[in-house]
Amino acid sequence: MGWFNTFINSSLGKKFIMALTGSFLIIFLIIHLIGNITLYFGPDAFNGYVKTLDVIKPLIRIIELVLLSAFIFHIFNGVRLWLENKQARPVTYKVNGSPENTTLFSRTMFVSGSVIFIFLVLHLGTFFWRFNVHDPQQLADSHQYYDIVVGFFQIWWYVLLYIVAMILLGFHLNHGFQSAFQTFGWNHKKYTPLIKKIGTAYAIIMAVGFASMPIYFFFFYGGNQ
């Protein structure tokens, strides 16, 4: 297994793990957004969706562990790559350097990733915790998951943080989507422009799709907390 350790600790190996875990998370976000869209169809639709997940809870727990592993590896290798790039960057970078050779999305990957991580911790501490661990109002026990979500989406600072995080998620996904294809070697001058357009479209759909929910519920229900 020496070759494997050498590979995953190499620059190429770290990028490969970033691309692999990132691809998995990209697929997860699509599924997660589709499930969350049931919020727009009212309490019965969303509560029914969450109750369906409860029926297959053992499978969901396995998926959650895989997701957690993907997040950990993605974050860990992202930080390692950022530190390596920062250390390897020449002193003259600011002079010769290179906004022309990079994009705003690539230059803000560490910042956007950091904010998303902070939001993710808060997000798990609200919805996941209330759904699965401790619910003072006992709404989860009576399967009133819709009311839990609407309650959080009426807290102005949570809605604001949610929106900012989703904007940065869009930035992160736009670059990450394209980078994954390059890392896997699936880049070609004929198809790369199309891949970039698909990546941008995907990033916009995810950012707007997720951000639209707190905006809708905050203003529709008149958040005042």
C-alpha atoms as a PDB file:
ATOM      1  CA  MET A   1       0.000   0.000   0.000  1.00  0.00           C
ATOM      2  CA  GLY A   2       3.052   2.242  -0.095  1.00  0.00           C
ATOM      3  CA  TRP A   3       2.202   3.398  -3.610  1.00  0.00           C
ATOM      4  CA  PHE A   4      -1.293   4.358  -2.463  1.00  0.00           C
ATOM      5  CA  ASN A   5       0.001   6.476   0.419  1.00  0.00           C
ATOM      6  CA  THR A   6       2.487   8.108  -1.927  1.00  0.00           C
ATOM      7  CA  PHE A   7      -0.279   8.852  -4.416  1.00  0.00           C
ATOM      8  CA  ILE A   8      -2.822  10.342  -1.986  1.00  0.00           C
ATOM      9  CA  ASN A   9      -0.125  12.531  -0.449  1.00  0.00           C
ATOM     10  CA  SER A  10       1.067  13.782  -3.814  1.00  0.00           C
ATOM     11  CA  SER A  11      -0.311  16.972  -5.352  1.00  0.00           C
ATOM     12  CA  LEU A  12      -2.083  14.939  -8.035  1.00  0.00           C
ATOM     13  CA  GLY A  13      -3.498  12.558  -5.432  1.00  0.00           C
ATOM     14  CA  LYS A  14      -4.886  15.391  -3.323  1.00  0.00           C
ATOM     15  CA  LYS A  15      -6.504  16.942  -6.384  1.00  0.00           C
ATOM     16  CA  PHE A  16      -7.934  13.568  -7.375  1.00  0.00           C
ATOM     17  CA  ILE A  17      -9.502  13.102  -3.928  1.00  0.00           C
ATOM     18  CA  MET A  18     -10.858  16.648  -4.091  1.00  0.00           C
ATOM     19  CA  ALA A  19     -12.420  15.916  -7.472  1.00  0.00           C
ATOM     20  CA  LEU A  20     -13.801  12.520  -6.396  1.00  0.00           C
ATOM     21  CA  THR A  21     -15.332  13.723  -3.135  1.00  0.00           C
ATOM     22  CA  GLY A  22     -16.486  16.926  -4.814  1.00  0.00           C
ATOM     23  CA  SER A  23     -18.280  14.927  -7.517  1.00  0.00           C
ATOM     24  CA  PHE A  24     -20.047  12.893  -4.858  1.00  0.00           C
ATOM     25  CA  LEU A  25     -21.143  16.058  -3.068  1.00  0.00           C
ATOM     26  CA  ILE A  26     -22.332  17.570  -6.353  1.00  0.00           C
ATOM     27  CA  ILE A  27     -24.661  14.602  -6.848  1.00  0.00           C
ATOM     28  CA  PHE A  28     -25.824  14.804  -3.233  1.00  0.00           C
ATOM     29  CA  LEU A  29     -26.748  18.485  -3.617  1.00  0.00           C
ATOM     30  CA  ILE A  30     -29.003  17.653  -6.569  1.00  0.00           C
ATOM     31  CA  ILE A  31     -30.847  15.005  -4.541  1.00  0.00           C
ATOM     32  CA  HIS A  32     -31.000  17.278  -1.494  1.00  0.00           C
ATOM     33  CA  LEU A  33     -32.454  20.161  -3.514  1.00  0.00           C
ATOM     34  CA  ILE A  34     -35.091  17.934  -5.098  1.00  0.00           C
ATOM     35  CA  GLY A  35     -36.167  16.761  -1.639  1.00  0.00           C
ATOM     36  CA  ASN A  36     -36.246  20.284  -0.242  1.00  0.00           C
ATOM     37  CA  ILE A  37     -38.402  21.508  -3.105  1.00  0.00           C
ATOM     38  CA  THR A  38     -41.299  19.607  -1.491  1.00  0.00           C
ATOM     39  CA  LEU A  39     -41.411  22.518   0.986  1.00  0.00           C
ATOM     40  CA  TYR A  40     -43.179  24.510  -1.715  1.00  0.00           C
ATOM     41  CA  PHE A  41     -45.973  21.958  -1.837  1.00  0.00           C
ATOM     42  CA  GLY A  42     -46.947  22.414   1.792  1.00  0.00           C
ATOM     43  CA  PRO A  43     -46.665  20.562   5.114  1.00  0.00           C
ATOM     44  CA  ASP A  44     -48.106  17.265   3.923  1.00  0.00           C
ATOM     45  CA  ALA A  45     -45.670  16.972   1.034  1.00  0.00           C
ATOM     46  CA  PHE A  46     -42.549  17.861   3.036  1.00  0.00           C
ATOM     47  CA  ASN A  47     -43.525  15.911   6.159  1.00  0.00           C
ATOM     48  CA  GLY A  48     -44.337  12.924   3.968  1.00  0.00           C
ATOM     49  CA  TYR A  49     -40.951  13.206   2.274  1.00  0.00           C
ATOM     50  CA  VAL A  50     -39.085  13.244   5.605  1.00  0.00           C
ATOM     51  CA  LYS A  51     -41.196  10.380   6.983  1.00  0.00           C
ATOM     52  CA  THR A  52     -40.280   8.365   3.902  1.00  0.00           C
ATOM     53  CA  LEU A  53     -36.620   8.880   4.770  1.00  0.00           C
ATOM     54  CA  ASP A  54     -37.372   7.627   8.300  1.00  0.00           C
ATOM     55  CA  VAL A  55     -38.617   4.353   6.836  1.00  0.00           C
ATOM     56  CA  ILE A  56     -35.208   3.713   5.270  1.00  0.00           C
ATOM     57  CA  LYS A  57     -33.273   5.187   8.205  1.00  0.00           C
ATOM     58  CA  PRO A  58     -30.593   2.416   8.306  1.00  0.00           C
ATOM     59  CA  LEU A  59     -29.723   3.186   4.683  1.00  0.00           C
ATOM     60  CA  ILE A  60     -29.822   6.923   5.375  1.00  0.00           C
ATOM     61  CA  ARG A  61     -27.376   6.482   8.257  1.00  0.00           C
ATOM     62  CA  ILE A  62     -24.929   4.691   5.935  1.00  0.00           C
ATOM     63  CA  ILE A  63     -25.282   7.473   3.375  1.00  0.00           C
ATOM     64  CA  GLU A  64     -24.704  10.058   6.117  1.00  0.00           C
ATOM     65  CA  LEU A  65     -21.469   8.330   7.133  1.00  0.00           C
ATOM     66  CA  VAL A  66     -20.304   8.276   3.516  1.00  0.00           C
ATOM     67  CA  LEU A  67     -21.224  11.957   3.202  1.00  0.00           C
ATOM     68  CA  LEU A  68     -19.369  12.804   6.390  1.00  0.00           C
ATOM     69  CA  SER A  69     -16.288  10.976   5.127  1.00  0.00           C
ATOM     70  CA  ALA A  70     -16.518  12.803   1.796  1.00  0.00           C
ATOM     71  CA  PHE A  71     -16.786  16.169   3.550  1.00  0.00           C
ATOM     72  CA  ILE A  72     -13.838  15.420   5.837  1.00  0.00           C
ATOM     73  CA  PHE A  73     -11.578  14.274   2.998  1.00  0.00           C
ATOM     74  CA  HIS A  74     -12.695  17.183   0.816  1.00  0.00           C
ATOM     75  CA  ILE A  75     -12.043  19.784   3.502  1.00  0.00           C
ATOM     76  CA  PHE A  76      -8.788  18.186   4.688  1.00  0.00           C
ATOM     77  CA  ASN A  77      -7.279  17.982   1.223  1.00  0.00           C
ATOM     78  CA  GLY A  78      -8.604  21.419   0.310  1.00  0.00           C
ATOM     79  CA  VAL A  79      -6.772  22.945   3.263  1.00  0.00           C
ATOM     80  CA  ARG A  80      -3.602  20.987   2.447  1.00  0.00           C
ATOM     81  CA  LEU A  81      -3.638  22.153  -1.175  1.00  0.00           C
ATOM     82  CA  TRP A  82      -4.282  25.740  -0.137  1.00  0.00           C
ATOM     83  CA  LEU A  83      -1.384  25.701   2.316  1.00  0.00           C
ATOM     84  CA  GLU A  84       0.942  24.097  -0.237  1.00  0.00           C
ATOM     85  CA  ASN A  85      -0.003  26.627  -2.901  1.00  0.00           C
ATOM     86  CA  LYS A  86       0.502  29.479  -0.454  1.00  0.00           C
ATOM     87  CA  GLN A  87       3.930  28.192   0.579  1.00  0.00           C
ATOM     88  CA  ALA A  88       4.998  27.537  -3.003  1.00  0.00           C
ATOM     89  CA  ARG A  89       3.844  30.925  -4.245  1.00  0.00           C
ATOM     90  CA  PRO A  90       6.829  33.141  -5.095  1.00  0.00           C
ATOM     91  CA  VAL A  91       7.296  36.485  -3.403  1.00  0.00           C
ATOM     92  CA  THR A  92       6.885  38.210  -6.763  1.00  0.00           C
ATOM     93  CA  TYR A  93       3.415  36.760  -7.179  1.00  0.00           C
ATOM     94  CA  LYS A  94       1.746  40.057  -6.340  1.00  0.00           C
ATOM     95  CA  VAL A  95       3.782  41.787  -9.015  1.00  0.00           C
ATOM     96  CA  ASN A  96       3.686  39.214 -11.803  1.00  0.00           C
ATOM     97  CA  GLY A  97       0.767  37.654 -10.735  1.00  0.00           C
ATOM     98  CA  SER A  98      -2.063  36.568 -11.842  1.00  0.00           C
ATOM     99  CA  PRO A  99      -5.481  37.522 -11.815  1.00  0.00           C
ATOM    100  CA  GLU A 100      -5.289  37.172 -15.591  1.00  0.00           C
ATOM    101  CA  ASN A 101      -4.419  33.488 -15.271  1.00  0.00           C
ATOM    102  CA  THR A 102      -7.049  32.695 -12.671  1.00  0.00           C
ATOM    103  CA  THR A 103     -10.701  33.473 -12.086  1.00  0.00           C
ATOM    104  CA  LEU A 104     -12.522  35.091  -9.205  1.00  0.00           C
ATOM    105  CA  PHE A 105     -14.097  31.704  -8.487  1.00  0.00           C
ATOM    106  CA  SER A 106     -10.737  29.914  -8.205  1.00  0.00           C
ATOM    107  CA  ARG A 107      -9.166  32.698  -6.119  1.00  0.00           C
ATOM    108  CA  THR A 108     -11.998  32.585  -3.585  1.00  0.00           C
ATOM    109  CA  MET A 109     -12.232  28.802  -3.225  1.00  0.00           C
ATOM    110  CA  PHE A 110     -10.675  28.751   0.246  1.00  0.00           C
ATOM    111  CA  VAL A 111     -12.812  31.638   1.496  1.00  0.00           C
ATOM    112  CA  SER A 112     -16.035  30.258   0.039  1.00  0.00           C
ATOM    113  CA  GLY A 113     -15.208  26.775   1.343  1.00  0.00           C
ATOM    114  CA  SER A 114     -14.513  28.122   4.830  1.00  0.00           C
ATOM    115  CA  VAL A 115     -17.804  30.022   5.024  1.00  0.00           C
ATOM    116  CA  ILE A 116     -19.695  27.018   3.674  1.00  0.00           C
ATOM    117  CA  PHE A 117     -18.086  24.845   6.349  1.00  0.00           C
ATOM    118  CA  ILE A 118     -19.162  27.252   9.112  1.00  0.00           C
ATOM    119  CA  PHE A 119     -22.671  27.319   7.666  1.00  0.00           C
ATOM    120  CA  LEU A 120     -22.739  23.530   7.420  1.00  0.00           C
ATOM    121  CA  VAL A 121     -21.915  23.186  11.120  1.00  0.00           C
ATOM    122  CA  LEU A 122     -24.712  25.633  11.976  1.00  0.00           C
ATOM    123  CA  HIS A 123     -27.073  23.934   9.536  1.00  0.00           C
ATOM    124  CA  LEU A 124     -26.481  20.517  11.096  1.00  0.00           C
ATOM    125  CA  GLY A 125     -26.855  22.076  14.542  1.00  0.00           C
ATOM    126  CA  THR A 126     -30.293  23.342  13.624  1.00  0.00           C
ATOM    127  CA  PHE A 127     -32.196  21.076  11.245  1.00  0.00           C
ATOM    128  CA  PHE A 128     -30.361  17.778  11.692  1.00  0.00           C
ATOM    129  CA  TRP A 129     -30.182  18.180  15.476  1.00  0.00           C
ATOM    130  CA  ARG A 130     -33.844  19.113  15.751  1.00  0.00           C
ATOM    131  CA  PHE A 131     -34.967  16.365  13.382  1.00  0.00           C
ATOM    132  CA  ASN A 132     -32.933  13.562  14.939  1.00  0.00           C
ATOM    133  CA  VAL A 133     -31.581  14.405  18.385  1.00  0.00           C
ATOM    134  CA  HIS A 134     -33.271  17.046  20.511  1.00  0.00           C
ATOM    135  CA  ASP A 135     -36.502  18.852  19.696  1.00  0.00           C
ATOM    136  CA  PRO A 136     -37.764  20.929  22.674  1.00  0.00           C
ATOM    137  CA  GLN A 137     -41.124  21.557  20.996  1.00  0.00           C
ATOM    138  CA  GLN A 138     -41.497  17.865  20.115  1.00  0.00           C
ATOM    139  CA  LEU A 139     -42.446  18.746  16.568  1.00  0.00           C
ATOM    140  CA  ALA A 140     -40.229  16.021  15.125  1.00  0.00           C
ATOM    141  CA  ASP A 141     -41.898  13.412  17.345  1.00  0.00           C
ATOM    142  CA  SER A 142     -45.232  14.273  15.736  1.00  0.00           C
ATOM    143  CA  HIS A 143     -43.608  14.520  12.272  1.00  0.00           C
ATOM    144  CA  GLN A 144     -44.173  18.266  11.979  1.00  0.00           C
ATOM    145  CA  TYR A 145     -40.848  18.788  10.220  1.00  0.00           C
ATOM    146  CA  TYR A 146     -42.315  21.498   8.012  1.00  0.00           C
ATOM    147  CA  ASP A 147     -42.983  23.691  11.051  1.00  0.00           C
ATOM    148  CA  ILE A 148     -39.382  23.285  12.229  1.00  0.00           C
ATOM    149  CA  VAL A 149     -38.042  24.479   8.875  1.00  0.00           C
ATOM    150  CA  VAL A 150     -40.477  27.381   8.644  1.00  0.00           C
ATOM    151  CA  GLY A 151     -39.542  28.400  12.182  1.00  0.00           C
ATOM    152  CA  PHE A 152     -35.854  28.689  11.339  1.00  0.00           C
ATOM    153  CA  PHE A 153     -36.636  30.458   8.066  1.00  0.00           C
ATOM    154  CA  GLN A 154     -38.334  33.232   9.990  1.00  0.00           C
ATOM    155  CA  ILE A 155     -35.176  34.162  11.902  1.00  0.00           C
ATOM    156  CA  TRP A 156     -33.660  37.066   9.959  1.00  0.00           C
ATOM    157  CA  TRP A 157     -29.996  36.443  10.775  1.00  0.00           C
ATOM    158  CA  TYR A 158     -30.271  32.751   9.924  1.00  0.00           C
ATOM    159  CA  VAL A 159     -31.916  33.601   6.599  1.00  0.00           C
ATOM    160  CA  LEU A 160     -29.196  36.161   5.848  1.00  0.00           C
ATOM    161  CA  LEU A 161     -26.411  33.701   6.665  1.00  0.00           C
ATOM    162  CA  TYR A 162     -28.162  31.044   4.590  1.00  0.00           C
ATOM    163  CA  ILE A 163     -28.350  33.334   1.550  1.00  0.00           C
ATOM    164  CA  VAL A 164     -24.712  34.445   1.838  1.00  0.00           C
ATOM    165  CA  ALA A 165     -23.606  30.816   2.202  1.00  0.00           C
ATOM    166  CA  MET A 166     -25.599  29.797  -0.882  1.00  0.00           C
ATOM    167  CA  ILE A 167     -24.070  32.597  -2.954  1.00  0.00           C
ATOM    168  CA  LEU A 168     -20.603  31.411  -1.940  1.00  0.00           C
ATOM    169  CA  LEU A 169     -21.683  27.817  -2.596  1.00  0.00           C
ATOM    170  CA  GLY A 170     -22.466  28.874  -6.148  1.00  0.00           C
ATOM    171  CA  PHE A 171     -18.975  30.382  -6.470  1.00  0.00           C
ATOM    172  CA  HIS A 172     -17.439  27.215  -5.043  1.00  0.00           C
ATOM    173  CA  LEU A 173     -19.418  24.872  -7.286  1.00  0.00           C
ATOM    174  CA  ASN A 174     -18.782  26.874 -10.432  1.00  0.00           C
ATOM    175  CA  HIS A 175     -15.023  26.366 -10.148  1.00  0.00           C
ATOM    176  CA  GLY A 176     -15.198  22.927  -8.508  1.00  0.00           C
ATOM    177  CA  PHE A 177     -17.391  21.459 -11.249  1.00  0.00           C
ATOM    178  CA  GLN A 178     -14.956  22.461 -13.978  1.00  0.00           C
ATOM    179  CA  SER A 179     -11.887  21.502 -11.947  1.00  0.00           C
ATOM    180  CA  ALA A 180     -13.226  17.980 -11.401  1.00  0.00           C
ATOM    181  CA  PHE A 181     -13.416  17.388 -15.153  1.00  0.00           C
ATOM    182  CA  GLN A 182      -9.868  18.675 -15.615  1.00  0.00           C
ATOM    183  CA  THR A 183      -8.523  16.509 -12.784  1.00  0.00           C
ATOM    184  CA  PHE A 184     -10.129  13.397 -14.266  1.00  0.00           C
ATOM    185  CA  GLY A 185      -8.599  14.305 -17.629  1.00  0.00           C
ATOM    186  CA  TRP A 186     -11.999  14.888 -19.224  1.00  0.00           C
ATOM    187  CA  ASN A 187     -11.044  18.170 -20.812  1.00  0.00           C
ATOM    188  CA  HIS A 188     -10.902  18.864 -24.506  1.00  0.00           C
ATOM    189  CA  LYS A 189     -10.795  22.170 -26.339  1.00  0.00           C
ATOM    190  CA  LYS A 190     -13.958  21.147 -28.165  1.00  0.00           C
ATOM    191  CA  TYR A 191     -15.962  20.223 -25.057  1.00  0.00           C
ATOM    192  CA  THR A 192     -14.405  22.337 -22.291  1.00  0.00           C
ATOM    193  CA  PRO A 193     -16.468  25.467 -23.135  1.00  0.00           C
ATOM    194  CA  LEU A 194     -19.638  23.358 -22.852  1.00  0.00           C
ATOM    195  CA  ILE A 195     -18.471  21.882 -19.544  1.00  0.00           C
ATOM    196  CA  LYS A 196     -17.867  25.383 -18.208  1.00  0.00           C
ATOM    197  CA  LYS A 197     -21.353  26.466 -19.240  1.00  0.00           C
ATOM    198  CA  ILE A 198     -22.919  23.386 -17.638  1.00  0.00           C
ATOM    199  CA  GLY A 199     -20.890  24.010 -14.479  1.00  0.00           C
ATOM    200  CA  THR A 200     -22.028  27.622 -14.312  1.00  0.00           C
ATOM    201  CA  ALA A 201     -25.654  26.635 -14.927  1.00  0.00           C
ATOM    202  CA  TYR A 202     -25.438  23.959 -12.229  1.00  0.00           C
ATOM    203  CA  ALA A 203     -23.898  26.397  -9.736  1.00  0.00           C
ATOM    204  CA  ILE A 204     -26.617  28.985 -10.392  1.00  0.00           C
ATOM    205  CA  ILE A 205     -29.415  26.423 -10.081  1.00  0.00           C
ATOM    206  CA  MET A 206     -28.062  25.105  -6.780  1.00  0.00           C
ATOM    207  CA  ALA A 207     -27.433  28.561  -5.297  1.00  0.00           C
ATOM    208  CA  VAL A 208     -30.752  30.047  -6.411  1.00  0.00           C
ATOM    209  CA  GLY A 209     -32.686  26.871  -5.625  1.00  0.00           C
ATOM    210  CA  PHE A 210     -31.504  26.605  -2.024  1.00  0.00           C
ATOM    211  CA  ALA A 211     -31.491  30.374  -1.350  1.00  0.00           C
ATOM    212  CA  SER A 212     -35.028  30.783  -2.681  1.00  0.00           C
ATOM    213  CA  MET A 213     -36.488  28.750   0.185  1.00  0.00           C
ATOM    214  CA  PRO A 214     -35.470  30.926   3.152  1.00  0.00           C
ATOM    215  CA  ILE A 215     -36.311  34.026   1.093  1.00  0.00           C
ATOM    216  CA  TYR A 216     -39.767  32.690   0.279  1.00  0.00           C
ATOM    217  CA  PHE A 217     -40.622  31.564   3.786  1.00  0.00           C
ATOM    218  CA  PHE A 218     -39.162  34.621   5.492  1.00  0.00           C
ATOM    219  CA  PHE A 219     -41.173  37.084   3.447  1.00  0.00           C
ATOM    220  CA  PHE A 220     -44.267  34.921   2.977  1.00  0.00           C
ATOM    221  CA  TYR A 221     -44.629  34.272   6.689  1.00  0.00           C
ATOM    222  CA  GLY A 222     -43.327  37.690   7.731  1.00  0.00           C
ATOM    223  CA  GLY A 223     -40.259  36.766   9.747  1.00  0.00           C
ATOM    224  CA  ASN A 224     -39.857  39.027  12.724  1.00  0.00           C
ATOM    225  CA  GLN A 225     -37.365  37.363  15.062  1.00  0.00           C
END
